């Protein structure tokens, strides 16, 4: 089959790879109808991978149709339309049984917990995907949810919801979202769904701020974001901040901008080993600080219900669609943040 493969910094190729297969009776194979490129895929693209190997297929966001199942798969059959959560559970430990797949007690390394970050679990930017423990790691897609919405529900929307949940957003509060990519935009929608009265949005890209404004977000303008945020909150600061970038600078902004006794929730992927966390500032401000990786399975049920009810619109963050064969061009566009790019989908059938 055809797939994208990673070969080093800024080197994504469209090539032939072996077809996925059922190698365990609990496996399934899904024909990918739509895949996504995630912001964390850009870490790999920019030469900051999560494992040292190359030549593997990236990607951890897709929807598709089941084409083959192992003999012990009971909840799915060939022809079922499914969403493939980005996080991968073992189906055996207590954490995974409760839906907390990012805390899997049997995984030997983090590369076992997500597709497309090493050769261990080939990714979804391909014509088909092998899914281990299919009864746990597939989700039936209800009628009325489009492929566009479903791809966002595989990772971006659950990560955003998780970040807002851990920020403990309360009705009537003012929330700041730092980073207005797909996860940040979904964090804004999630904050409103949780009852936030105001959502402020900070991002260096003017086009992203302008688009966020169409969703009800109040853009943070000007070169000095911290001063602008203080002015927008009458000198008090937001009640909660959801950080969706993962850089030292943006995490630092979140910590400085939040109000006294406020909450900061970091969901941007950070690979920093020496973040200068200002303990004195956190202690004086009496801050709550949360950081972690989303267990998609746990966060999905309310999001599917909210999407069906029209309370959130995951498809709104999608801006571009490419054929899978144009994947290298799509990565370049996404990395350059050009042409109003927000979320890029890949279509293997085009």
Protein backbone atom coordinates (compact mmCIF):
# COMPACT_ATOMS: atom_id res chain seq x y z
CA UNK A 1 0.00 0.00 0.00
CA UNK A 2 0.95 3.67 -0.18
CA UNK A 3 1.90 5.68 2.91
CA UNK A 4 3.92 8.64 4.09
CA UNK A 5 7.21 7.86 5.82
CA UNK A 6 9.59 9.93 7.91
CA UNK A 7 13.29 9.96 6.97
CA UNK A 8 14.71 12.85 8.97
CA UNK A 9 14.32 16.59 9.35
CA UNK A 10 11.88 18.00 6.74
CA UNK A 11 11.97 14.68 4.86
CA UNK A 12 8.52 13.12 4.42
CA UNK A 13 8.11 10.70 1.50
CA UNK A 14 5.15 9.07 -0.26
CA UNK A 15 6.20 5.46 -0.82
CA UNK A 16 5.12 1.82 -0.93
CA UNK A 17 5.09 0.03 2.44
CA UNK A 18 3.91 -3.46 3.47
CA UNK A 19 0.17 -3.88 3.90
CA UNK A 20 -0.96 -4.00 7.54
CA UNK A 21 -2.14 -7.38 8.73
CA UNK A 22 -3.97 -9.05 11.60
CA UNK A 23 -1.16 -10.64 13.60
CA UNK A 24 -3.11 -11.29 16.80
CA UNK A 25 -6.71 -12.50 17.22
CA UNK A 26 -7.53 -9.19 18.97
CA UNK A 27 -6.33 -7.02 16.03
CA UNK A 28 -8.22 -5.31 13.23
CA UNK A 29 -7.25 -3.59 10.00
CA UNK A 30 -8.93 -0.30 9.10
CA UNK A 31 -9.03 1.19 5.61
CA UNK A 32 -8.27 4.87 6.18
CA UNK A 33 -10.78 7.24 4.60
CA UNK A 34 -9.39 10.45 6.15
CA UNK A 35 -6.25 11.13 8.17
CA UNK A 36 -4.95 14.28 9.85
CA UNK A 37 -1.64 15.99 10.44
CA UNK A 38 -1.28 16.99 14.08
CA UNK A 39 0.84 19.73 15.57
CA UNK A 40 2.87 17.09 17.39
CA UNK A 41 3.69 15.53 14.00
CA UNK A 42 5.57 18.75 13.32
CA UNK A 43 7.95 17.93 16.18
CA UNK A 44 8.95 14.86 14.17
CA UNK A 45 9.03 16.79 10.89
CA UNK A 46 11.34 19.44 12.38
CA UNK A 47 13.82 16.78 13.47
CA UNK A 48 12.71 16.41 17.09
CA UNK A 49 11.24 12.90 16.98
CA UNK A 50 10.07 10.84 19.91
CA UNK A 51 12.33 7.93 18.94
CA UNK A 52 15.64 7.76 17.03
CA UNK A 53 14.41 5.49 14.21
CA UNK A 54 13.44 6.68 10.73
CA UNK A 55 11.52 5.11 7.86
CA UNK A 56 8.25 4.66 9.76
CA UNK A 57 4.79 6.01 8.92
CA UNK A 58 3.76 9.01 11.07
CA UNK A 59 0.30 10.12 12.07
CA UNK A 60 -2.13 9.26 14.87
CA UNK A 61 -5.41 10.74 13.64
CA UNK A 62 -7.77 8.89 11.30
CA UNK A 63 -11.22 7.58 10.58
CA UNK A 64 -12.03 4.70 8.29
CA UNK A 65 -13.82 1.42 7.66
CA UNK A 66 -12.99 -1.94 9.21
CA UNK A 67 -11.83 -4.38 6.53
CA UNK A 68 -10.49 -7.29 8.61
CA UNK A 69 -10.79 -8.52 12.19
CA UNK A 70 -9.11 -11.17 14.31
CA UNK A 71 -11.04 -14.12 15.68
CA UNK A 72 -11.41 -12.63 19.17
CA UNK A 73 -12.77 -9.22 18.09
CA UNK A 74 -16.44 -9.09 19.13
CA UNK A 75 -17.53 -5.44 19.02
CA UNK A 76 -16.70 -4.71 15.37
CA UNK A 77 -17.14 -6.31 11.97
CA UNK A 78 -15.99 -5.64 8.42
CA UNK A 79 -17.79 -2.60 7.00
CA UNK A 80 -18.14 -0.70 10.30
CA UNK A 81 -17.27 3.01 10.10
CA UNK A 82 -14.91 3.80 12.96
CA UNK A 83 -12.85 6.48 14.66
CA UNK A 84 -9.35 5.47 15.75
CA UNK A 85 -8.35 7.23 19.00
CA UNK A 86 -4.79 8.53 18.97
CA UNK A 87 -3.94 6.95 22.32
CA UNK A 88 -3.56 3.17 22.38
CA UNK A 89 -4.66 0.99 25.30
CA UNK A 90 -3.59 -2.52 26.21
CA UNK A 91 -7.15 -3.53 27.26
CA UNK A 92 -5.72 -5.50 30.19
CA UNK A 93 -4.49 -3.16 32.94
CA UNK A 94 -6.67 -1.21 35.40
CA UNK A 95 -5.83 2.18 33.89
CA UNK A 96 -6.79 1.17 30.36
CA UNK A 97 -9.96 -0.54 31.58
CA UNK A 98 -10.99 2.81 33.11
CA UNK A 99 -10.23 4.65 29.85
CA UNK A 100 -6.92 6.17 30.97
CA UNK A 101 -4.88 4.74 28.13
CA UNK A 102 -2.11 7.35 28.49
CA UNK A 103 -1.39 5.77 31.89
CA UNK A 104 -1.13 2.20 30.58
CA UNK A 105 0.60 0.07 33.21
CA UNK A 106 1.88 -2.50 30.72
CA UNK A 107 3.57 -0.16 28.22
CA UNK A 108 7.35 -0.35 28.32
CA UNK A 109 7.76 3.09 26.70
CA UNK A 110 5.65 6.04 25.58
CA UNK A 111 6.09 5.00 21.92
CA UNK A 112 3.75 2.07 22.61
CA UNK A 113 0.94 4.46 23.56
CA UNK A 114 0.48 6.32 20.26
CA UNK A 115 0.51 5.49 16.56
CA UNK A 116 3.14 6.96 14.28
CA UNK A 117 5.89 7.99 16.69
CA UNK A 118 8.14 4.98 16.07
CA UNK A 119 8.19 1.76 14.00
CA UNK A 120 6.47 -0.06 16.89
CA UNK A 121 3.02 1.21 15.85
CA UNK A 122 2.98 2.41 12.21
CA UNK A 123 0.88 5.54 11.84
CA UNK A 124 -2.33 6.56 10.16
CA UNK A 125 -1.01 8.64 7.24
CA UNK A 126 -1.46 5.63 5.02
CA UNK A 127 -4.08 3.75 3.05
CA UNK A 128 -4.69 1.36 5.95
CA UNK A 129 -3.83 0.92 9.63
CA UNK A 130 -3.39 -2.09 11.91
CA UNK A 131 -5.18 -1.57 15.25
CA UNK A 132 -4.17 -3.67 18.29
CA UNK A 133 -6.82 -4.68 20.86
CA UNK A 134 -9.50 -3.47 18.46
CA UNK A 135 -12.41 -3.92 20.85
CA UNK A 136 -10.85 -1.21 23.05
CA UNK A 137 -9.00 0.90 20.49
CA UNK A 138 -11.79 1.49 17.97
CA UNK A 139 -14.91 3.61 18.43
CA UNK A 140 -18.11 3.27 16.40
CA UNK A 141 -18.92 6.50 14.58
CA UNK A 142 -22.57 7.52 14.96
CA UNK A 143 -24.57 8.88 12.06
CA UNK A 144 -24.33 12.61 11.50
CA UNK A 145 -20.64 13.01 12.38
CA UNK A 146 -18.57 13.79 9.29
CA UNK A 147 -15.07 12.55 8.58
CA UNK A 148 -13.85 16.14 9.12
CA UNK A 149 -15.33 16.28 12.60
CA UNK A 150 -14.32 12.71 13.42
CA UNK A 151 -10.62 13.23 12.63
CA UNK A 152 -10.56 16.20 15.02
CA UNK A 153 -12.26 13.98 17.62
CA UNK A 154 -9.42 11.43 17.43
CA UNK A 155 -6.97 13.73 19.23
CA UNK A 156 -7.26 17.53 18.96
CA UNK A 157 -10.71 17.86 20.53
CA UNK A 158 -10.12 15.33 23.36
CA UNK A 159 -6.76 16.95 24.17
CA UNK A 160 -8.44 20.35 24.33
CA UNK A 161 -11.29 19.05 26.50
CA UNK A 162 -8.80 17.32 28.80
CA UNK A 163 -6.86 20.57 29.15
CA UNK A 164 -9.98 22.55 30.00
CA UNK A 165 -11.21 19.88 32.40
CA UNK A 166 -7.91 19.93 34.26
CA UNK A 167 -8.07 23.75 34.34
CA UNK A 168 -11.37 23.29 36.22
CA UNK A 169 -13.18 25.94 34.19
CA UNK A 170 -16.27 27.18 35.98
CA UNK A 171 -19.36 28.95 34.58
CA UNK A 172 -18.85 32.70 34.24
CA UNK A 173 -15.04 32.59 34.26
CA UNK A 174 -12.56 34.26 31.94
CA UNK A 175 -10.21 31.82 30.21
CA UNK A 176 -7.06 32.48 28.22
CA UNK A 177 -6.02 30.05 25.48
CA UNK A 178 -2.38 30.34 24.42
CA UNK A 179 -1.87 29.00 20.89
CA UNK A 180 -4.72 29.03 18.39
CA UNK A 181 -3.92 26.00 16.29
CA UNK A 182 -6.49 23.17 16.10
CA UNK A 183 -6.06 22.19 19.78
CA UNK A 184 -6.26 25.80 20.94
CA UNK A 185 -9.37 26.45 18.84
CA UNK A 186 -11.01 23.35 20.28
CA UNK A 187 -9.96 24.47 23.76
CA UNK A 188 -11.82 27.72 23.15
CA UNK A 189 -14.93 25.81 22.07
CA UNK A 190 -14.59 23.51 25.07
CA UNK A 191 -14.23 26.43 27.48
CA UNK A 192 -17.43 27.98 26.16
CA UNK A 193 -19.20 24.60 26.43
CA UNK A 194 -18.09 24.41 30.08
CA UNK A 195 -19.63 27.82 30.75
CA UNK A 196 -16.80 30.32 30.33
CA UNK A 197 -18.14 33.85 29.93
CA UNK A 198 -15.08 35.08 28.05
CA UNK A 199 -12.28 33.33 26.16
CA UNK A 200 -9.17 35.30 25.25
CA UNK A 201 -6.82 33.95 22.59
CA UNK A 202 -3.10 34.60 22.16
CA UNK A 203 -1.15 33.56 19.04
CA UNK A 204 1.68 35.10 17.02
CA UNK A 205 -0.14 34.50 13.71
CA UNK A 206 -2.66 37.25 12.91
CA UNK A 207 -4.74 34.98 10.65
CA UNK A 208 -5.22 32.53 13.49
CA UNK A 209 -6.33 35.28 15.86
CA UNK A 210 -8.78 36.56 13.24
CA UNK A 211 -10.28 33.11 12.70
CA UNK A 212 -10.58 32.52 16.45
CA UNK A 213 -12.59 35.73 16.66
CA UNK A 214 -15.25 34.13 14.41
CA UNK A 215 -15.71 31.52 17.17
CA UNK A 216 -16.27 34.17 19.84
CA UNK A 217 -12.67 34.40 21.06
CA UNK A 218 -11.31 37.83 22.01
CA UNK A 219 -7.89 38.09 20.32
CA UNK A 220 -4.90 39.33 22.31
CA UNK A 221 -3.38 42.02 20.09
CA UNK A 222 -0.13 43.96 20.28
CA UNK A 223 3.51 43.04 20.79
CA UNK A 224 3.29 42.79 24.59
CA UNK A 225 0.83 39.97 25.17
CA UNK A 226 1.10 40.01 28.95
CA UNK A 227 0.24 43.72 29.16
CA UNK A 228 -2.64 43.28 26.72
CA UNK A 229 -4.05 40.40 28.76
CA UNK A 230 -3.87 42.45 31.95
CA UNK A 231 -5.71 45.32 30.27
CA UNK A 232 -8.36 42.99 28.84
CA UNK A 233 -8.99 41.57 32.33
CA UNK A 234 -8.96 44.94 34.13
CA UNK A 235 -5.62 44.23 35.79
CA UNK A 236 -6.72 40.94 37.33
CA UNK A 237 -5.66 38.24 34.87
CA UNK A 238 -7.72 35.31 33.57
CA UNK A 239 -9.14 32.76 35.98
CA UNK A 240 -7.61 29.88 34.03
CA UNK A 241 -5.10 29.46 31.20
CA UNK A 242 -4.94 26.56 28.75
CA UNK A 243 -1.54 26.40 27.04
CA UNK A 244 -1.64 24.60 23.68
CA UNK A 245 1.85 25.16 22.23
CA UNK A 246 4.39 23.55 24.54
CA UNK A 247 7.27 26.02 24.19
CA UNK A 248 9.10 27.47 27.18
CA UNK A 249 7.98 30.98 26.16
CA UNK A 250 4.27 30.17 25.94
CA UNK A 251 4.24 28.17 29.18
CA UNK A 252 6.03 31.10 30.81
CA UNK A 253 3.39 33.49 29.49
CA UNK A 254 0.63 31.30 30.91
CA UNK A 255 2.21 31.29 34.37
CA UNK A 256 2.73 35.05 34.38
CA UNK A 257 -0.65 36.00 32.92
CA UNK A 258 -2.98 33.98 35.15
CA UNK A 259 -4.60 35.70 38.13
CA UNK A 260 -3.78 35.17 41.79
CA UNK A 261 -4.91 31.67 42.83
CA UNK A 262 -5.57 30.87 39.16
CA UNK A 263 -5.10 27.60 37.27
CA UNK A 264 -2.73 26.78 34.42
CA UNK A 265 -3.21 23.65 32.29
CA UNK A 266 -0.49 22.73 29.79
CA UNK A 267 -1.45 20.43 26.92
CA UNK A 268 1.10 21.63 24.35
CA UNK A 269 3.68 18.88 23.78
CA UNK A 270 6.90 19.96 25.48
CA UNK A 271 10.25 18.25 25.01
CA UNK A 272 12.07 20.72 27.26
CA UNK A 273 14.33 19.09 29.84
CA UNK A 274 15.20 22.33 31.61
CA UNK A 275 12.11 24.53 31.77
CA UNK A 276 12.85 27.44 34.15
CA UNK A 277 9.81 26.97 36.38
CA UNK A 278 9.61 29.96 38.73
CA UNK A 279 8.68 28.27 41.99
CA UNK A 280 8.63 31.56 43.88
CA UNK A 281 6.15 33.08 41.43
CA UNK A 282 3.93 30.00 41.60
CA UNK A 283 4.00 29.99 45.39
CA UNK A 284 3.32 33.70 45.81
CA UNK A 285 0.48 33.56 43.28
CA UNK A 286 -0.87 30.34 44.86
CA UNK A 287 -1.13 28.73 41.44
CA UNK A 288 -2.50 25.36 40.40
CA UNK A 289 -0.42 23.83 37.60
CA UNK A 290 -1.45 20.79 35.57
CA UNK A 291 0.36 19.11 32.69
CA UNK A 292 -0.13 15.76 31.00
CA UNK A 293 -1.10 13.71 27.98
CA UNK A 294 -4.69 13.05 27.02
CA UNK A 295 -6.31 9.61 27.25
CA UNK A 296 -8.61 9.98 24.25
CA UNK A 297 -10.88 7.07 25.23
CA UNK A 298 -11.77 8.73 28.55
CA UNK A 299 -12.54 12.15 27.07
CA UNK A 300 -14.50 11.04 23.97
CA UNK A 301 -18.04 10.25 25.23
CA UNK A 302 -19.06 13.82 26.17
CA UNK A 303 -17.39 15.22 23.06
CA UNK A 304 -19.30 12.92 20.71
CA UNK A 305 -22.53 13.93 22.44
CA UNK A 306 -21.66 17.65 22.23
CA UNK A 307 -20.75 17.32 18.55
CA UNK A 308 -24.01 15.52 17.76
CA UNK A 309 -25.94 18.26 19.58
CA UNK A 310 -24.05 21.03 17.73
CA UNK A 311 -22.63 22.42 20.97
CA UNK A 312 -19.10 22.07 19.58
CA UNK A 313 -18.09 22.06 15.91
CA UNK A 314 -14.83 20.12 15.47
CA UNK A 315 -15.00 20.45 11.70
CA UNK A 316 -14.69 24.24 12.01
CA UNK A 317 -10.95 23.97 12.61
CA UNK A 318 -10.30 22.18 9.29
CA UNK A 319 -8.86 24.46 6.63
CA UNK A 320 -7.21 22.27 3.97
CA UNK A 321 -7.57 18.83 2.37
CA UNK A 322 -4.85 17.13 0.35
CA UNK A 323 -4.44 13.81 -1.38
CA UNK A 324 -2.21 11.47 0.60
CA UNK A 325 0.23 11.61 -2.31
CA UNK A 326 0.61 15.35 -1.66
CA UNK A 327 1.57 14.71 1.95
CA UNK A 328 5.09 16.19 1.66
CA UNK A 329 3.59 19.45 0.35
CA UNK A 330 0.95 19.42 3.10
CA UNK A 331 3.63 19.07 5.78
CA UNK A 332 5.59 21.98 4.31
CA UNK A 333 2.49 24.19 4.26
CA UNK A 334 1.57 23.28 7.82
CA UNK A 335 5.11 23.92 9.06
CA UNK A 336 5.18 27.36 7.38
CA UNK A 337 1.71 28.21 8.82
CA UNK A 338 0.95 29.71 5.40
CA UNK A 339 -2.26 30.24 3.43
CA UNK A 340 -4.44 30.43 6.55
CA UNK A 341 -3.61 26.85 7.48
CA UNK A 342 -5.23 25.51 10.65
CA UNK A 343 -5.93 21.79 10.25
CA UNK A 344 -4.85 19.68 7.27
CA UNK A 345 -6.61 16.44 6.33
CA UNK A 346 -5.19 13.77 4.01
CA UNK A 347 -7.38 11.68 1.71
CA UNK A 348 -5.88 8.36 0.55
CA UNK A 349 -8.58 7.97 -2.14
CA UNK A 350 -7.79 11.24 -3.96
